Amino acid sequence: MNRQAPKINAGSMADIAFLLLIFFLVTTTIDVDEGIYTKLPRKNTTEITVPFNDKNILDVIINAKNELYVENEIVEISNLTEVAINFIDNAGGTDIDGNPCSWCKGDRNTDSSDHPSKALIAIDANRAVNYDTYVKVLDQIYKAYGKLRDRYARDTYQISYKGILKKEKSSTDDHAELRQKIKDIREKYPLLIVDSQIQK
């Protein structure tokens, strides 16, 4: 007596495979590489010359060997935050209106920056520089501004700058008052960074 092997109905297998494919496509997260969040200025057709004293410009140079030079001296990337803070917060003179920086806690060295509103950090990176090195350098400079803004916010408003930003985004408090505090902090320590590669 010949026995026939049982047959499996595979008619719906294609439908099941298709549904599984859709399921995995919908539930899978895909990592997306993000660049540096920097808002570039619009191209200006008219030539504007801003008078800058050499002592108010901190030259940050990254050469093709990924070496960091600040004012022609080799500096470790990890030390750049401290160097930038000392430069920005120096308060060796006055702002354009002749007012001294009463909130600064720097050494008031007359050979360094006059005022945070005049302290410009100029980054000159060789085109052969590793992207990772450039990002680390930029991160250290942003960290310097973050620390100075945090310190001023704590001294003035008894809350960190990050805390004010977080509160402004999430709370139901008076946002106009919080925005005024943020504006004040940013005016005290304006972000003055120029990248020579952008200018070229």
C-alpha atoms as a PDB file:
ATOM      1  CA  MET A   1       0.000   0.000   0.000  1.00  0.00           C
ATOM      2  CA  ASN A   2       1.526   3.298  -1.125  1.00  0.00           C
ATOM      3  CA  ARG A   3       1.273   6.137   1.375  1.00  0.00           C
ATOM      4  CA  GLN A   4       1.426   9.672   0.058  1.00  0.00           C
ATOM      5  CA  ALA A   5       3.451  12.205   2.065  1.00  0.00           C
ATOM      6  CA  PRO A   6       1.265  14.972   3.517  1.00  0.00           C
ATOM      7  CA  LYS A   7       1.469  18.209   1.583  1.00  0.00           C
ATOM      8  CA  ILE A   8       1.865  21.595   3.259  1.00  0.00           C
ATOM      9  CA  ASN A   9      -0.194  24.406   1.861  1.00  0.00           C
ATOM     10  CA  ALA A  10       2.359  27.142   1.184  1.00  0.00           C
ATOM     11  CA  GLY A  11      -0.058  29.472  -0.554  1.00  0.00           C
ATOM     12  CA  SER A  12      -0.058  32.060   2.240  1.00  0.00           C
ATOM     13  CA  MET A  13       3.700  31.989   2.924  1.00  0.00           C
ATOM     14  CA  ALA A  14       4.353  34.883   0.531  1.00  0.00           C
ATOM     15  CA  ASP A  15       1.764  36.994   2.350  1.00  0.00           C
ATOM     16  CA  ILE A  16       3.354  36.215   5.731  1.00  0.00           C
ATOM     17  CA  ALA A  17       6.838  37.060   4.440  1.00  0.00           C
ATOM     18  CA  PHE A  18       5.550  40.339   3.018  1.00  0.00           C
ATOM     19  CA  LEU A  19       3.890  41.277   6.324  1.00  0.00           C
ATOM     20  CA  LEU A  20       7.076  40.450   8.253  1.00  0.00           C
ATOM     21  CA  LEU A  21       9.100  42.626   5.876  1.00  0.00           C
ATOM     22  CA  ILE A  22       6.743  45.567   6.415  1.00  0.00           C
ATOM     23  CA  PHE A  23       6.865  45.002  10.193  1.00  0.00           C
ATOM     24  CA  PHE A  24      10.666  45.141  10.300  1.00  0.00           C
ATOM     25  CA  LEU A  25      10.790  48.194   8.019  1.00  0.00           C
ATOM     26  CA  VAL A  26       8.368  50.073  10.249  1.00  0.00           C
ATOM     27  CA  THR A  27       9.944  49.131  13.602  1.00  0.00           C
ATOM     28  CA  THR A  28      13.636  49.425  12.677  1.00  0.00           C
ATOM     29  CA  THR A  29      15.393  52.685  13.541  1.00  0.00           C
ATOM     30  CA  ILE A  30      18.039  53.902  11.143  1.00  0.00           C
ATOM     31  CA  ASP A  31      20.933  55.982  12.475  1.00  0.00           C
ATOM     32  CA  VAL A  32      21.417  59.189  10.525  1.00  0.00           C
ATOM     33  CA  ASP A  33      24.739  60.987  10.679  1.00  0.00           C
ATOM     34  CA  GLU A  34      24.296  64.586  11.702  1.00  0.00           C
ATOM     35  CA  GLY A  35      26.651  67.415  10.944  1.00  0.00           C
ATOM     36  CA  ILE A  36      27.533  70.399  13.077  1.00  0.00           C
ATOM     37  CA  TYR A  37      24.577  72.616  13.893  1.00  0.00           C
ATOM     38  CA  THR A  38      25.843  75.988  12.767  1.00  0.00           C
ATOM     39  CA  LYS A  39      23.774  78.716  11.236  1.00  0.00           C
ATOM     40  CA  LEU A  40      25.834  80.304   8.485  1.00  0.00           C
ATOM     41  CA  PRO A  41      25.342  83.994   7.722  1.00  0.00           C
ATOM     42  CA  ARG A  42      23.815  85.070   4.440  1.00  0.00           C
ATOM     43  CA  LYS A  43      26.261  86.151   1.772  1.00  0.00           C
ATOM     44  CA  ASN A  44      26.778  89.888   1.940  1.00  0.00           C
ATOM     45  CA  THR A  45      27.258  91.643  -1.376  1.00  0.00           C
ATOM     46  CA  THR A  46      28.592  94.830   0.197  1.00  0.00           C
ATOM     47  CA  GLU A  47      32.057  94.813   1.720  1.00  0.00           C
ATOM     48  CA  ILE A  48      32.025  95.593   5.431  1.00  0.00           C
ATOM     49  CA  THR A  49      35.238  96.239   7.309  1.00  0.00           C
ATOM     50  CA  VAL A  50      35.120  95.863  11.084  1.00  0.00           C
ATOM     51  CA  PRO A  51      38.110  97.239  12.964  1.00  0.00           C
ATOM     52  CA  PHE A  52      39.568  94.474  15.162  1.00  0.00           C
ATOM     53  CA  ASN A  53      42.638  94.924  17.317  1.00  0.00           C
ATOM     54  CA  ASP A  54      45.017  91.943  17.113  1.00  0.00           C
ATOM     55  CA  LYS A  55      44.796  91.361  20.858  1.00  0.00           C
ATOM     56  CA  ASN A  56      41.031  90.843  20.493  1.00  0.00           C
ATOM     57  CA  ILE A  57      41.516  87.939  18.061  1.00  0.00           C
ATOM     58  CA  LEU A  58      42.439  84.466  19.270  1.00  0.00           C
ATOM     59  CA  ASP A  59      44.000  82.561  16.354  1.00  0.00           C
ATOM     60  CA  VAL A  60      43.196  78.840  16.492  1.00  0.00           C
ATOM     61  CA  ILE A  61      45.054  76.966  13.747  1.00  0.00           C
ATOM     62  CA  ILE A  62      44.755  73.258  12.910  1.00  0.00           C
ATOM     63  CA  ASN A  63      47.474  72.091  10.528  1.00  0.00           C
ATOM     64  CA  ALA A  64      47.463  69.129   8.128  1.00  0.00           C
ATOM     65  CA  LYS A  65      48.910  66.871  10.859  1.00  0.00           C
ATOM     66  CA  ASN A  66      45.882  67.603  13.079  1.00  0.00           C
ATOM     67  CA  GLU A  67      48.066  69.617  15.455  1.00  0.00           C
ATOM     68  CA  LEU A  68      46.449  72.544  17.260  1.00  0.00           C
ATOM     69  CA  TYR A  69      48.218  75.895  17.466  1.00  0.00           C
ATOM     70  CA  VAL A  70      46.836  78.787  19.546  1.00  0.00           C
ATOM     71  CA  GLU A  71      48.712  82.049  19.124  1.00  0.00           C
ATOM     72  CA  ASN A  72      51.564  80.090  17.467  1.00  0.00           C
ATOM     73  CA  GLU A  73      51.958  77.693  20.408  1.00  0.00           C
ATOM     74  CA  ILE A  74      51.029  73.991  20.371  1.00  0.00           C
ATOM     75  CA  VAL A  75      48.042  73.339  22.635  1.00  0.00           C
ATOM     76  CA  GLU A  76      46.313  70.071  23.525  1.00  0.00           C
ATOM     77  CA  ILE A  77      42.696  70.037  22.358  1.00  0.00           C
ATOM     78  CA  SER A  78      41.570  69.171  25.893  1.00  0.00           C
ATOM     79  CA  ASN A  79      43.129  72.449  27.150  1.00  0.00           C
ATOM     80  CA  LEU A  80      41.442  74.658  24.539  1.00  0.00           C
ATOM     81  CA  THR A  81      38.355  75.317  26.688  1.00  0.00           C
ATOM     82  CA  GLU A  82      40.449  76.868  29.456  1.00  0.00           C
ATOM     83  CA  VAL A  83      42.474  78.913  26.952  1.00  0.00           C
ATOM     84  CA  ALA A  84      39.271  80.226  25.336  1.00  0.00           C
ATOM     85  CA  ILE A  85      37.714  81.097  28.726  1.00  0.00           C
ATOM     86  CA  ASN A  86      40.807  83.059  29.769  1.00  0.00           C
ATOM     87  CA  PHE A  87      40.736  84.943  26.462  1.00  0.00           C
ATOM     88  CA  ILE A  88      36.995  85.733  26.363  1.00  0.00           C
ATOM     89  CA  ASP A  89      36.713  86.608  30.072  1.00  0.00           C
ATOM     90  CA  ASN A  90      39.967  88.602  30.283  1.00  0.00           C
ATOM     91  CA  ALA A  91      38.347  92.079  30.481  1.00  0.00           C
ATOM     92  CA  GLY A  92      41.550  93.972  29.765  1.00  0.00           C
ATOM     93  CA  GLY A  93      39.703  97.038  28.474  1.00  0.00           C
ATOM     94  CA  THR A  94      36.219  98.238  27.578  1.00  0.00           C
ATOM     95  CA  ASP A  95      33.461  97.584  25.029  1.00  0.00           C
ATOM     96  CA  ILE A  96      32.797  99.883  22.056  1.00  0.00           C
ATOM     97  CA  ASP A  97      30.862 102.267  24.320  1.00  0.00           C
ATOM     98  CA  GLY A  98      33.731 102.511  26.799  1.00  0.00           C
ATOM     99  CA  ASN A  99      32.103 100.322  29.470  1.00  0.00           C
ATOM    100  CA  PRO A 100      34.261  97.818  31.411  1.00  0.00           C
ATOM    101  CA  CYS A 101      33.164  94.215  31.961  1.00  0.00           C
ATOM    102  CA  SER A 102      31.938  94.258  35.577  1.00  0.00           C
ATOM    103  CA  TRP A 103      30.852  90.585  35.453  1.00  0.00           C
ATOM    104  CA  CYS A 104      34.137  89.234  34.073  1.00  0.00           C
ATOM    105  CA  LYS A 105      36.550  87.422  36.376  1.00  0.00           C
ATOM    106  CA  GLY A 106      39.633  87.319  34.162  1.00  0.00           C
ATOM    107  CA  ASP A 107      43.178  88.547  34.787  1.00  0.00           C
ATOM    108  CA  ARG A 108      42.514  91.903  33.059  1.00  0.00           C
ATOM    109  CA  ASN A 109      45.678  91.487  31.020  1.00  0.00           C
ATOM    110  CA  THR A 110      46.111  94.521  28.750  1.00  0.00           C
ATOM    111  CA  ASP A 111      47.740  92.300  26.105  1.00  0.00           C
ATOM    112  CA  SER A 112      44.641  90.095  25.779  1.00  0.00           C
ATOM    113  CA  SER A 113      40.998  90.767  24.850  1.00  0.00           C
ATOM    114  CA  ASP A 114      39.332  93.977  26.022  1.00  0.00           C
ATOM    115  CA  HIS A 115      35.781  92.729  26.474  1.00  0.00           C
ATOM    116  CA  PRO A 116      33.660  89.621  25.694  1.00  0.00           C
ATOM    117  CA  SER A 117      31.844  91.665  23.030  1.00  0.00           C
ATOM    118  CA  LYS A 118      35.190  92.176  21.258  1.00  0.00           C
ATOM    119  CA  ALA A 119      36.779  88.748  21.835  1.00  0.00           C
ATOM    120  CA  LEU A 120      36.803  87.002  18.446  1.00  0.00           C
ATOM    121  CA  ILE A 121      37.962  83.399  18.014  1.00  0.00           C
ATOM    122  CA  ALA A 122      39.272  82.752  14.484  1.00  0.00           C
ATOM    123  CA  ILE A 123      39.550  79.100  13.428  1.00  0.00           C
ATOM    124  CA  ASP A 124      41.838  78.308  10.516  1.00  0.00           C
ATOM    125  CA  ALA A 125      41.724  74.603   9.671  1.00  0.00           C
ATOM    126  CA  ASN A 126      43.783  73.045   6.906  1.00  0.00           C
ATOM    127  CA  ARG A 127      41.653  71.248   4.307  1.00  0.00           C
ATOM    128  CA  ALA A 128      43.465  67.992   5.133  1.00  0.00           C
ATOM    129  CA  VAL A 129      42.338  68.071   8.785  1.00  0.00           C
ATOM    130  CA  ASN A 130      40.315  65.111  10.041  1.00  0.00           C
ATOM    131  CA  TYR A 131      36.647  65.953  10.514  1.00  0.00           C
ATOM    132  CA  ASP A 132      36.802  64.433  14.006  1.00  0.00           C
ATOM    133  CA  THR A 133      39.618  66.798  15.042  1.00  0.00           C
ATOM    134  CA  TYR A 134      37.740  69.829  13.722  1.00  0.00           C
ATOM    135  CA  VAL A 135      34.585  68.842  15.620  1.00  0.00           C
ATOM    136  CA  LYS A 136      36.559  68.351  18.855  1.00  0.00           C
ATOM    137  CA  VAL A 137      38.138  71.803  18.516  1.00  0.00           C
ATOM    138  CA  LEU A 138      34.778  73.445  17.842  1.00  0.00           C
ATOM    139  CA  ASP A 139      33.229  71.534  20.748  1.00  0.00           C
ATOM    140  CA  GLN A 140      35.892  72.849  23.155  1.00  0.00           C
ATOM    141  CA  ILE A 141      35.209  76.438  22.074  1.00  0.00           C
ATOM    142  CA  TYR A 142      31.438  76.023  22.470  1.00  0.00           C
ATOM    143  CA  LYS A 143      32.100  74.472  25.885  1.00  0.00           C
ATOM    144  CA  ALA A 144      34.011  77.609  26.918  1.00  0.00           C
ATOM    145  CA  TYR A 145      31.055  79.835  26.032  1.00  0.00           C
ATOM    146  CA  GLY A 146      28.703  77.415  27.797  1.00  0.00           C
ATOM    147  CA  LYS A 147      30.724  77.564  31.029  1.00  0.00           C
ATOM    148  CA  LEU A 148      30.936  81.354  30.987  1.00  0.00           C
ATOM    149  CA  ARG A 149      27.208  81.712  30.318  1.00  0.00           C
ATOM    150  CA  ASP A 150      26.416  79.164  33.038  1.00  0.00           C
ATOM    151  CA  ARG A 151      28.555  81.049  35.557  1.00  0.00           C
ATOM    152  CA  TYR A 152      26.960  84.394  34.738  1.00  0.00           C
ATOM    153  CA  ALA A 153      23.447  82.892  34.904  1.00  0.00           C
ATOM    154  CA  ARG A 154      24.133  81.318  38.317  1.00  0.00           C
ATOM    155  CA  ASP A 155      25.592  84.578  39.684  1.00  0.00           C
ATOM    156  CA  THR A 156      22.750  86.705  38.296  1.00  0.00           C
ATOM    157  CA  TYR A 157      19.653  84.465  38.256  1.00  0.00           C
ATOM    158  CA  GLN A 158      20.656  81.640  40.652  1.00  0.00           C
ATOM    159  CA  ILE A 159      20.105  79.075  37.887  1.00  0.00           C
ATOM    160  CA  SER A 160      22.366  77.703  35.165  1.00  0.00           C
ATOM    161  CA  TYR A 161      22.063  78.855  31.551  1.00  0.00           C
ATOM    162  CA  LYS A 162      21.149  75.310  30.538  1.00  0.00           C
ATOM    163  CA  GLY A 163      18.509  75.307  33.261  1.00  0.00           C
ATOM    164  CA  ILE A 164      16.950  78.496  31.893  1.00  0.00           C
ATOM    165  CA  LEU A 165      16.895  77.058  28.356  1.00  0.00           C
ATOM    166  CA  LYS A 166      15.288  73.838  29.608  1.00  0.00           C
ATOM    167  CA  LYS A 167      12.728  75.769  31.637  1.00  0.00           C
ATOM    168  CA  GLU A 168      11.880  77.976  28.662  1.00  0.00           C
ATOM    169  CA  LYS A 169      11.171  74.918  26.514  1.00  0.00           C
ATOM    170  CA  SER A 170       9.172  72.860  29.003  1.00  0.00           C
ATOM    171  CA  SER A 171       7.586  75.073  31.643  1.00  0.00           C
ATOM    172  CA  THR A 172       4.356  77.066  31.629  1.00  0.00           C
ATOM    173  CA  ASP A 173       6.028  80.038  33.326  1.00  0.00           C
ATOM    174  CA  ASP A 174       6.239  83.483  31.782  1.00  0.00           C
ATOM    175  CA  HIS A 175       8.290  82.780  28.661  1.00  0.00           C
ATOM    176  CA  ALA A 176       8.835  86.494  27.994  1.00  0.00           C
ATOM    177  CA  GLU A 177      10.788  86.789  31.245  1.00  0.00           C
ATOM    178  CA  LEU A 178      12.842  83.681  30.481  1.00  0.00           C
ATOM    179  CA  ARG A 179      13.582  84.891  26.960  1.00  0.00           C
ATOM    180  CA  GLN A 180      14.764  88.209  28.397  1.00  0.00           C
ATOM    181  CA  LYS A 181      17.167  86.357  30.694  1.00  0.00           C
ATOM    182  CA  ILE A 182      18.483  84.299  27.763  1.00  0.00           C
ATOM    183  CA  LYS A 183      18.960  87.472  25.706  1.00  0.00           C
ATOM    184  CA  ASP A 184      20.836  89.128  28.583  1.00  0.00           C
ATOM    185  CA  ILE A 185      23.170  86.135  29.027  1.00  0.00           C
ATOM    186  CA  ARG A 186      23.916  85.939  25.309  1.00  0.00           C
ATOM    187  CA  GLU A 187      24.623  89.665  25.159  1.00  0.00           C
ATOM    188  CA  LYS A 188      27.053  89.374  28.062  1.00  0.00           C
ATOM    189  CA  TYR A 189      28.927  86.548  26.317  1.00  0.00           C
ATOM    190  CA  PRO A 190      28.154  86.767  22.575  1.00  0.00           C
ATOM    191  CA  LEU A 191      29.283  83.850  20.435  1.00  0.00           C
ATOM    192  CA  LEU A 192      32.029  85.362  18.272  1.00  0.00           C
ATOM    193  CA  ILE A 193      33.552  82.586  16.178  1.00  0.00           C
ATOM    194  CA  VAL A 194      34.747  82.926  12.605  1.00  0.00           C
ATOM    195  CA  ASP A 195      35.899  80.067  10.399  1.00  0.00           C
ATOM    196  CA  SER A 196      38.359  81.124   7.722  1.00  0.00           C
ATOM    197  CA  GLN A 197      37.300  78.186   5.515  1.00  0.00           C
ATOM    198  CA  ILE A 198      33.765  79.639   5.388  1.00  0.00           C
ATOM    199  CA  GLN A 199      35.140  83.030   4.396  1.00  0.00           C
ATOM    200  CA  LYS A 200      37.241  81.630   1.521  1.00  0.00           C
END
